[in-house]
Structure formats: structure tokens, C-alpha cells
Amino acid sequence: MPFDYTYLLYGLIGLGSVLLVEGVYFLVVDLRGRRRDPNRRLRMLAAGATRQAVLVSLRRERTFSNANGLLGRFEDLVIQSGLNAKPGRVGLMMVAFGAVGFVAAVVLGQSLVVALGAAAGLGLIVPVLGFLYVCGVAG
């Protein structure tokens, strides 16, 4: 069965579009002034909050939820990796890995079940292994 390069072209065009939108997003976010964020801790300390209260408050804002189970461990792993991303961004990254796995399996002519397995595997396993690697290198 010959390989159809049209699907590869569609995939590359889609990937380029996603990267273009992400680049425009980061340009707009940087123009809005993300430089105020590091000073927020100092403003909270100047307002009379204790160091421990400021730490707890800022950490709660970064969390996905107050979960203690598997989601709580994943949340701690993301925070320990030093990734400065909101939960939506982490989820989007995981969905993107899953989409790449699904498209790759479909393009390679695999069945739908294998494609869904590849999507789940890449969407869940690759980001978690990446966070573990970053924690191991940094820690």
C-alpha cells in the first residue's frame, strides 16, 4: 500500500497553524505585561501577610484542584517540574501529544483501536515521563 503524502501535508499545515496561533498568543500575553506577576508576592508581603500565608495562597492558585489522589500527585509533579503553565495549558499539551499519536497511527494504516491506544499512550505517558525527567534533572 503506497504512502499518501497528502495526509502528511495536511498534518504539517495543521501543525504550522497551531504553532502560529500559539506564537501570536504568547506575543499578546507578553505585551499585556506578565512582568507584574513576580511582584505580586512582594505586594502581598507588604500588605502584611506572612510568608507562609503568601506561599499557601500562591500555591493554591496554581493547583488543579484540592485532590489528594492520582490527580493530586500529578499536580505536585507538574509544580515540581517548574513548569509555569496553567492547568488548561498542561491539558492542551497532553491533548496535542494524543492527537499526534492518533494521526500517526491512522497515517500508518493502523486500526481505530490501535490509533486510540496510541493517542491515550502518547497523551498520558509522554507528558508524565517528561515531567519525571525534568524533576530528576532539576532535583
N, C-alpha and C. Protein backbone atom coordinates (compact mmCIF):
# COMPACT_ATOMS: atom_id res chain seq x y z
N MET A 1 0.84 -1.18 0.00
CA MET A 1 0.00 0.00 0.00
C MET A 1 0.89 1.24 0.00
N PRO A 2 0.82 2.06 -1.02
CA PRO A 2 1.68 3.24 -1.11
C PRO A 2 1.27 4.30 -0.08
N PHE A 3 2.25 5.06 0.34
CA PHE A 3 2.02 6.12 1.31
C PHE A 3 1.47 7.34 0.60
N ASP A 4 0.39 7.90 1.13
CA ASP A 4 -0.23 9.08 0.55
C ASP A 4 0.32 10.32 1.25
N TYR A 5 1.11 11.11 0.55
CA TYR A 5 1.74 12.28 1.13
C TYR A 5 0.78 13.44 1.35
N THR A 6 -0.44 13.32 0.87
CA THR A 6 -1.42 14.38 1.09
C THR A 6 -1.73 14.51 2.58
N TYR A 7 -1.86 13.37 3.28
CA TYR A 7 -2.14 13.41 4.71
C TYR A 7 -0.97 14.01 5.49
N LEU A 8 0.22 13.73 5.06
CA LEU A 8 1.39 14.32 5.69
C LEU A 8 1.38 15.84 5.51
N LEU A 9 1.03 16.28 4.31
CA LEU A 9 0.95 17.72 4.05
C LEU A 9 -0.13 18.35 4.91
N TYR A 10 -1.30 17.71 5.02
CA TYR A 10 -2.37 18.23 5.88
C TYR A 10 -1.91 18.31 7.33
N GLY A 11 -1.21 17.31 7.79
CA GLY A 11 -0.72 17.32 9.17
C GLY A 11 0.27 18.44 9.42
N LEU A 12 1.18 18.65 8.45
CA LEU A 12 2.16 19.73 8.61
C LEU A 12 1.50 21.10 8.56
N ILE A 13 0.51 21.26 7.71
CA ILE A 13 -0.23 22.53 7.66
C ILE A 13 -0.97 22.76 8.97
N GLY A 14 -1.59 21.70 9.51
CA GLY A 14 -2.28 21.82 10.80
C GLY A 14 -1.32 22.16 11.92
N LEU A 15 -0.17 21.51 11.95
CA LEU A 15 0.83 21.78 12.98
C LEU A 15 1.35 23.21 12.86
N GLY A 16 1.57 23.67 11.64
CA GLY A 16 2.01 25.05 11.43
C GLY A 16 0.97 26.05 11.90
N SER A 17 -0.29 25.74 11.67
CA SER A 17 -1.36 26.64 12.12
C SER A 17 -1.41 26.71 13.64
N VAL A 18 -1.27 25.56 14.29
CA VAL A 18 -1.28 25.55 15.75
C VAL A 18 -0.10 26.35 16.30
N LEU A 19 1.07 26.18 15.72
CA LEU A 19 2.25 26.92 16.17
C LEU A 19 2.11 28.42 15.92
N LEU A 20 1.48 28.79 14.81
CA LEU A 20 1.25 30.20 14.53
C LEU A 20 0.31 30.81 15.56
N VAL A 21 -0.77 30.11 15.88
CA VAL A 21 -1.71 30.62 16.88
C VAL A 21 -1.03 30.72 18.25
N GLU A 22 -0.23 29.73 18.61
CA GLU A 22 0.47 29.77 19.87
C GLU A 22 1.47 30.94 19.92
N GLY A 23 2.17 31.18 18.83
CA GLY A 23 3.10 32.30 18.78
C GLY A 23 2.41 33.64 18.94
N VAL A 24 1.27 33.80 18.28
CA VAL A 24 0.51 35.04 18.42
C VAL A 24 0.00 35.19 19.85
N TYR A 25 -0.44 34.08 20.45
CA TYR A 25 -0.91 34.12 21.83
C TYR A 25 0.20 34.59 22.77
N PHE A 26 1.39 34.02 22.65
CA PHE A 26 2.48 34.42 23.53
C PHE A 26 2.91 35.86 23.27
N LEU A 27 2.82 36.30 22.05
CA LEU A 27 3.13 37.70 21.76
C LEU A 27 2.15 38.62 22.48
N VAL A 28 0.87 38.29 22.43
CA VAL A 28 -0.14 39.12 23.08
C VAL A 28 0.00 39.06 24.59
N VAL A 29 0.26 37.89 25.16
CA VAL A 29 0.40 37.77 26.61
C VAL A 29 1.61 38.56 27.08
N ASP A 30 2.71 38.50 26.34
CA ASP A 30 3.90 39.25 26.74
C ASP A 30 3.67 40.75 26.61
N LEU A 31 2.88 41.19 25.65
CA LEU A 31 2.60 42.61 25.50
C LEU A 31 1.71 43.12 26.62
N ARG A 32 0.85 42.25 27.17
CA ARG A 32 -0.04 42.67 28.24
C ARG A 32 0.71 42.92 29.53
N GLY A 33 1.87 42.38 29.66
CA GLY A 33 2.68 42.67 30.84
C GLY A 33 2.68 41.56 31.87
N ARG A 34 3.36 40.48 31.59
CA ARG A 34 3.49 39.41 32.56
C ARG A 34 4.53 39.76 33.61
N ARG A 35 5.18 40.88 33.48
CA ARG A 35 6.22 41.26 34.43
C ARG A 35 5.65 41.62 35.79
N ARG A 36 4.36 41.88 35.88
CA ARG A 36 3.76 42.22 37.16
C ARG A 36 3.63 41.00 38.05
N ASP A 37 3.60 39.82 37.48
CA ASP A 37 3.35 38.61 38.25
C ASP A 37 4.41 38.33 39.33
N PRO A 38 5.70 38.45 39.06
CA PRO A 38 6.67 38.18 40.13
C PRO A 38 6.56 39.16 41.30
N ASN A 39 6.08 40.37 41.06
CA ASN A 39 5.98 41.35 42.13
C ASN A 39 4.76 41.13 43.00
N ARG A 40 3.87 40.25 42.59
CA ARG A 40 2.66 40.01 43.36
C ARG A 40 2.98 39.46 44.74
N ARG A 41 3.95 38.59 44.83
CA ARG A 41 4.34 38.04 46.13
C ARG A 41 4.84 39.14 47.05
N LEU A 42 5.64 40.05 46.49
CA LEU A 42 6.16 41.15 47.31
C LEU A 42 5.04 42.09 47.76
N ARG A 43 4.05 42.31 46.88
CA ARG A 43 2.92 43.17 47.26
C ARG A 43 2.11 42.52 48.39
N MET A 44 1.96 41.21 48.34
CA MET A 44 1.23 40.51 49.40
C MET A 44 1.98 40.58 50.72
N LEU A 45 3.30 40.47 50.65
CA LEU A 45 4.11 40.59 51.87
C LEU A 45 4.05 42.00 52.44
N ALA A 46 4.06 43.01 51.57
CA ALA A 46 3.98 44.40 52.03
C ALA A 46 2.62 44.72 52.64
N ALA A 47 1.59 43.99 52.22
CA ALA A 47 0.25 44.22 52.75
C ALA A 47 0.08 43.60 54.14
N GLY A 48 1.08 42.89 54.61
CA GLY A 48 1.03 42.36 55.96
C GLY A 48 0.84 40.87 56.07
N ALA A 49 0.77 40.16 54.98
CA ALA A 49 0.60 38.71 55.04
C ALA A 49 1.92 38.06 55.43
N THR A 50 1.83 36.94 56.12
CA THR A 50 3.05 36.22 56.49
C THR A 50 3.60 35.47 55.28
N ARG A 51 4.85 35.08 55.37
CA ARG A 51 5.47 34.37 54.25
C ARG A 51 4.75 33.05 53.98
N GLN A 52 4.38 32.35 55.05
CA GLN A 52 3.70 31.08 54.88
C GLN A 52 2.32 31.27 54.23
N ALA A 53 1.59 32.30 54.63
CA ALA A 53 0.26 32.56 54.05
C ALA A 53 0.37 32.92 52.57
N VAL A 54 1.39 33.67 52.21
CA VAL A 54 1.60 34.05 50.81
C VAL A 54 1.93 32.81 49.99
N LEU A 55 2.79 31.95 50.52
CA LEU A 55 3.16 30.72 49.82
C LEU A 55 1.94 29.83 49.60
N VAL A 56 1.13 29.66 50.63
CA VAL A 56 -0.07 28.83 50.51
C VAL A 56 -1.03 29.43 49.50
N SER A 57 -1.22 30.75 49.54
CA SER A 57 -2.15 31.41 48.63
C SER A 57 -1.70 31.28 47.17
N LEU A 58 -0.43 31.52 46.91
CA LEU A 58 0.07 31.43 45.54
C LEU A 58 0.06 29.99 45.05
N ARG A 59 0.35 29.05 45.92
CA ARG A 59 0.33 27.64 45.50
C ARG A 59 -1.09 27.17 45.18
N ARG A 60 -2.06 27.63 45.95
CA ARG A 60 -3.45 27.24 45.68
C ARG A 60 -3.92 27.74 44.33
N GLU A 61 -3.47 28.90 43.93
CA GLU A 61 -3.87 29.44 42.63
C GLU A 61 -3.31 28.63 41.48
N ARG A 62 -2.21 27.95 41.68
CA ARG A 62 -1.59 27.16 40.62
C ARG A 62 -2.13 25.75 40.55
N THR A 63 -2.89 25.35 41.54
CA THR A 63 -3.31 23.96 41.60
C THR A 63 -4.49 23.68 40.69
N PHE A 64 -4.64 22.42 40.31
CA PHE A 64 -5.77 21.97 39.51
C PHE A 64 -7.00 21.87 40.39
N SER A 65 -6.82 21.29 41.56
CA SER A 65 -7.94 21.07 42.47
C SER A 65 -7.36 20.80 43.86
N ASN A 66 -8.22 20.45 44.76
CA ASN A 66 -7.76 20.06 46.09
C ASN A 66 -7.72 18.54 46.22
N ALA A 67 -7.46 17.87 45.14
CA ALA A 67 -7.47 16.41 45.12
C ALA A 67 -6.25 15.86 45.85
N ASN A 68 -6.44 14.71 46.47
CA ASN A 68 -5.34 14.05 47.17
C ASN A 68 -4.89 12.79 46.47
N GLY A 69 -5.65 12.29 45.53
CA GLY A 69 -5.35 11.02 44.88
C GLY A 69 -4.37 11.16 43.74
N LEU A 70 -4.69 10.49 42.66
CA LEU A 70 -3.82 10.48 41.49
C LEU A 70 -3.68 11.88 40.88
N LEU A 71 -4.78 12.63 40.85
CA LEU A 71 -4.73 13.99 40.31
C LEU A 71 -3.85 14.89 41.18
N GLY A 72 -3.90 14.69 42.48
CA GLY A 72 -3.04 15.46 43.38
C GLY A 72 -1.57 15.17 43.16
N ARG A 73 -1.25 13.89 42.95
CA ARG A 73 0.15 13.53 42.67
C ARG A 73 0.62 14.11 41.34
N PHE A 74 -0.28 14.06 40.34
CA PHE A 74 0.08 14.65 39.04
C PHE A 74 0.29 16.15 39.18
N GLU A 75 -0.55 16.80 39.95
CA GLU A 75 -0.42 18.23 40.18
C GLU A 75 0.92 18.56 40.84
N ASP A 76 1.28 17.79 41.85
CA ASP A 76 2.57 18.00 42.51
C ASP A 76 3.73 17.78 41.54
N LEU A 77 3.60 16.81 40.67
CA LEU A 77 4.64 16.53 39.68
C LEU A 77 4.81 17.71 38.72
N VAL A 78 3.70 18.29 38.28
CA VAL A 78 3.77 19.45 37.38
C VAL A 78 4.42 20.63 38.08
N ILE A 79 4.04 20.88 39.33
CA ILE A 79 4.61 22.01 40.07
C ILE A 79 6.09 21.78 40.35
N GLN A 80 6.48 20.55 40.72
CA GLN A 80 7.89 20.25 40.99
C GLN A 80 8.75 20.34 39.74
N SER A 81 8.14 20.13 38.57
CA SER A 81 8.93 20.21 37.34
C SER A 81 9.29 21.64 37.00
N GLY A 82 8.63 22.60 37.64
CA GLY A 82 8.93 24.01 37.39
C GLY A 82 8.21 24.57 36.18
N LEU A 83 7.26 23.84 35.66
CA LEU A 83 6.50 24.31 34.50
C LEU A 83 5.56 25.43 34.94
N ASN A 84 5.73 26.58 34.37
CA ASN A 84 4.88 27.72 34.70
C ASN A 84 3.71 27.76 33.74
N ALA A 85 2.81 26.82 33.89
CA ALA A 85 1.65 26.75 33.00
C ALA A 85 0.40 26.50 33.82
N LYS A 86 -0.68 27.01 33.31
CA LYS A 86 -1.97 26.79 33.96
C LYS A 86 -2.48 25.41 33.58
N PRO A 87 -3.44 24.90 34.33
CA PRO A 87 -3.96 23.55 34.05
C PRO A 87 -4.47 23.38 32.62
N GLY A 88 -5.09 24.41 32.07
CA GLY A 88 -5.58 24.32 30.70
C GLY A 88 -4.45 24.11 29.70
N ARG A 89 -3.34 24.75 29.95
CA ARG A 89 -2.19 24.61 29.05
C ARG A 89 -1.58 23.22 29.14
N VAL A 90 -1.50 22.68 30.36
CA VAL A 90 -0.98 21.32 30.53
C VAL A 90 -1.91 20.33 29.85
N GLY A 91 -3.22 20.53 30.03
CA GLY A 91 -4.20 19.66 29.36
C GLY A 91 -4.11 19.75 27.85
N LEU A 92 -3.92 20.97 27.34
CA LEU A 92 -3.78 21.15 25.90
C LEU A 92 -2.54 20.45 25.37
N MET A 93 -1.47 20.50 26.13
CA MET A 93 -0.24 19.81 25.73
C MET A 93 -0.48 18.30 25.66
N MET A 94 -1.19 17.77 26.65
CA MET A 94 -1.46 16.34 26.67
C MET A 94 -2.38 15.94 25.51
N VAL A 95 -3.37 16.78 25.22
CA VAL A 95 -4.26 16.50 24.08
C VAL A 95 -3.47 16.55 22.78
N ALA A 96 -2.53 17.50 22.67
CA ALA A 96 -1.73 17.61 21.45
C ALA A 96 -0.88 16.34 21.23
N PHE A 97 -0.26 15.84 22.30
CA PHE A 97 0.50 14.59 22.18
C PHE A 97 -0.41 13.45 21.75
N GLY A 98 -1.59 13.40 22.34
CA GLY A 98 -2.54 12.36 21.98
C GLY A 98 -2.97 12.46 20.53
N ALA A 99 -3.20 13.68 20.05
CA ALA A 99 -3.59 13.89 18.66
C ALA A 99 -2.48 13.47 17.71
N VAL A 100 -1.25 13.77 18.07
CA VAL A 100 -0.12 13.35 17.23
C VAL A 100 -0.06 11.82 17.16
N GLY A 101 -0.26 11.16 18.29
CA GLY A 101 -0.25 9.70 18.29
C GLY A 101 -1.38 9.12 17.46
N PHE A 102 -2.56 9.71 17.55
CA PHE A 102 -3.71 9.24 16.78
C PHE A 102 -3.48 9.42 15.29
N VAL A 103 -3.04 10.63 14.89
CA VAL A 103 -2.82 10.91 13.47
C VAL A 103 -1.71 10.02 12.91
N ALA A 104 -0.65 9.81 13.69
CA ALA A 104 0.45 8.97 13.21
C ALA A 104 -0.03 7.53 13.00
N ALA A 105 -0.84 7.02 13.91
CA ALA A 105 -1.33 5.66 13.76
C ALA A 105 -2.27 5.53 12.57
N VAL A 106 -3.12 6.55 12.35
CA VAL A 106 -4.04 6.50 11.22
C VAL A 106 -3.28 6.58 9.90
N VAL A 107 -2.29 7.47 9.85
CA VAL A 107 -1.50 7.63 8.62
C VAL A 107 -0.71 6.35 8.32
N LEU A 108 -0.27 5.66 9.36
CA LEU A 108 0.47 4.42 9.15
C LEU A 108 -0.45 3.24 8.86
N GLY A 109 -1.76 3.49 8.77
CA GLY A 109 -2.70 2.46 8.36
C GLY A 109 -3.15 1.52 9.47
N GLN A 110 -3.04 1.94 10.72
CA GLN A 110 -3.46 1.09 11.84
C GLN A 110 -4.97 1.19 12.04
N SER A 111 -5.53 0.25 12.77
CA SER A 111 -6.96 0.25 13.04
C SER A 111 -7.31 1.37 14.02
N LEU A 112 -8.60 1.61 14.16
CA LEU A 112 -9.06 2.68 15.05
C LEU A 112 -8.72 2.38 16.50
N VAL A 113 -8.76 1.13 16.89
CA VAL A 113 -8.43 0.75 18.27
C VAL A 113 -6.96 1.03 18.56
N VAL A 114 -6.10 0.70 17.64
CA VAL A 114 -4.66 0.96 17.81
C VAL A 114 -4.41 2.47 17.83
N ALA A 115 -5.11 3.20 16.97
CA ALA A 115 -4.95 4.66 16.94
C ALA A 115 -5.39 5.29 18.26
N LEU A 116 -6.50 4.81 18.81
CA LEU A 116 -6.95 5.33 20.10
C LEU A 116 -5.98 4.95 21.22
N GLY A 117 -5.41 3.76 21.15
CA GLY A 117 -4.40 3.37 22.12
C GLY A 117 -3.15 4.23 22.03
N ALA A 118 -2.75 4.53 20.80
CA ALA A 118 -1.58 5.40 20.62
C ALA A 118 -1.87 6.80 21.15
N ALA A 119 -3.09 7.28 20.93
CA ALA A 119 -3.47 8.60 21.43
C ALA A 119 -3.44 8.63 22.95
N ALA A 120 -4.01 7.62 23.57
CA ALA A 120 -4.02 7.56 25.04
C ALA A 120 -2.60 7.40 25.58
N GLY A 121 -1.81 6.56 24.94
CA GLY A 121 -0.44 6.35 25.40
C GLY A 121 0.40 7.61 25.30
N LEU A 122 0.37 8.25 24.16
CA LEU A 122 1.18 9.46 23.99
C LEU A 122 0.61 10.63 24.78
N GLY A 123 -0.71 10.68 24.92
CA GLY A 123 -1.32 11.79 25.65
C GLY A 123 -1.10 11.72 27.14
N LEU A 124 -0.95 10.52 27.67
CA LEU A 124 -0.76 10.37 29.11
C LEU A 124 0.68 10.06 29.49
N ILE A 125 1.30 9.14 28.77
CA ILE A 125 2.61 8.65 29.19
C ILE A 125 3.74 9.63 28.87
N VAL A 126 3.76 10.20 27.67
CA VAL A 126 4.86 11.09 27.29
C VAL A 126 4.96 12.33 28.19
N PRO A 127 3.85 13.04 28.47
CA PRO A 127 3.99 14.19 29.37
C PRO A 127 4.43 13.79 30.78
N VAL A 128 3.89 12.70 31.32
CA VAL A 128 4.28 12.28 32.67
C VAL A 128 5.76 11.91 32.71
N LEU A 129 6.24 11.18 31.71
CA LEU A 129 7.67 10.85 31.66
C LEU A 129 8.53 12.10 31.50
N GLY A 130 8.03 13.06 30.73
CA GLY A 130 8.76 14.33 30.59
C GLY A 130 8.87 15.08 31.91
N PHE A 131 7.76 15.13 32.66
CA PHE A 131 7.79 15.79 33.97
C PHE A 131 8.72 15.06 34.92
N LEU A 132 8.68 13.73 34.91
CA LEU A 132 9.58 12.95 35.76
C LEU A 132 11.04 13.18 35.40
N TYR A 133 11.32 13.27 34.10
CA TYR A 133 12.70 13.52 33.65
C TYR A 133 13.17 14.89 34.12
N VAL A 134 12.31 15.91 33.96
CA VAL A 134 12.69 17.27 34.36
C VAL A 134 12.91 17.33 35.87
N CYS A 135 12.04 16.66 36.64
CA CYS A 135 12.23 16.63 38.10
C CYS A 135 13.53 15.93 38.47
N GLY A 136 13.88 14.87 37.76
CA GLY A 136 15.11 14.14 38.04
C GLY A 136 16.34 14.94 37.68
N VAL A 137 16.29 15.69 36.58
CA VAL A 137 17.43 16.51 36.17
C VAL A 137 17.58 17.72 37.08
N ALA A 138 16.46 18.36 37.39
CA ALA A 138 16.50 19.58 38.21
C ALA A 138 16.74 19.26 39.68
N GLY A 139 16.22 18.12 40.12
CA GLY A 139 16.28 17.80 41.56
C GLY A 139 17.42 16.96 41.88
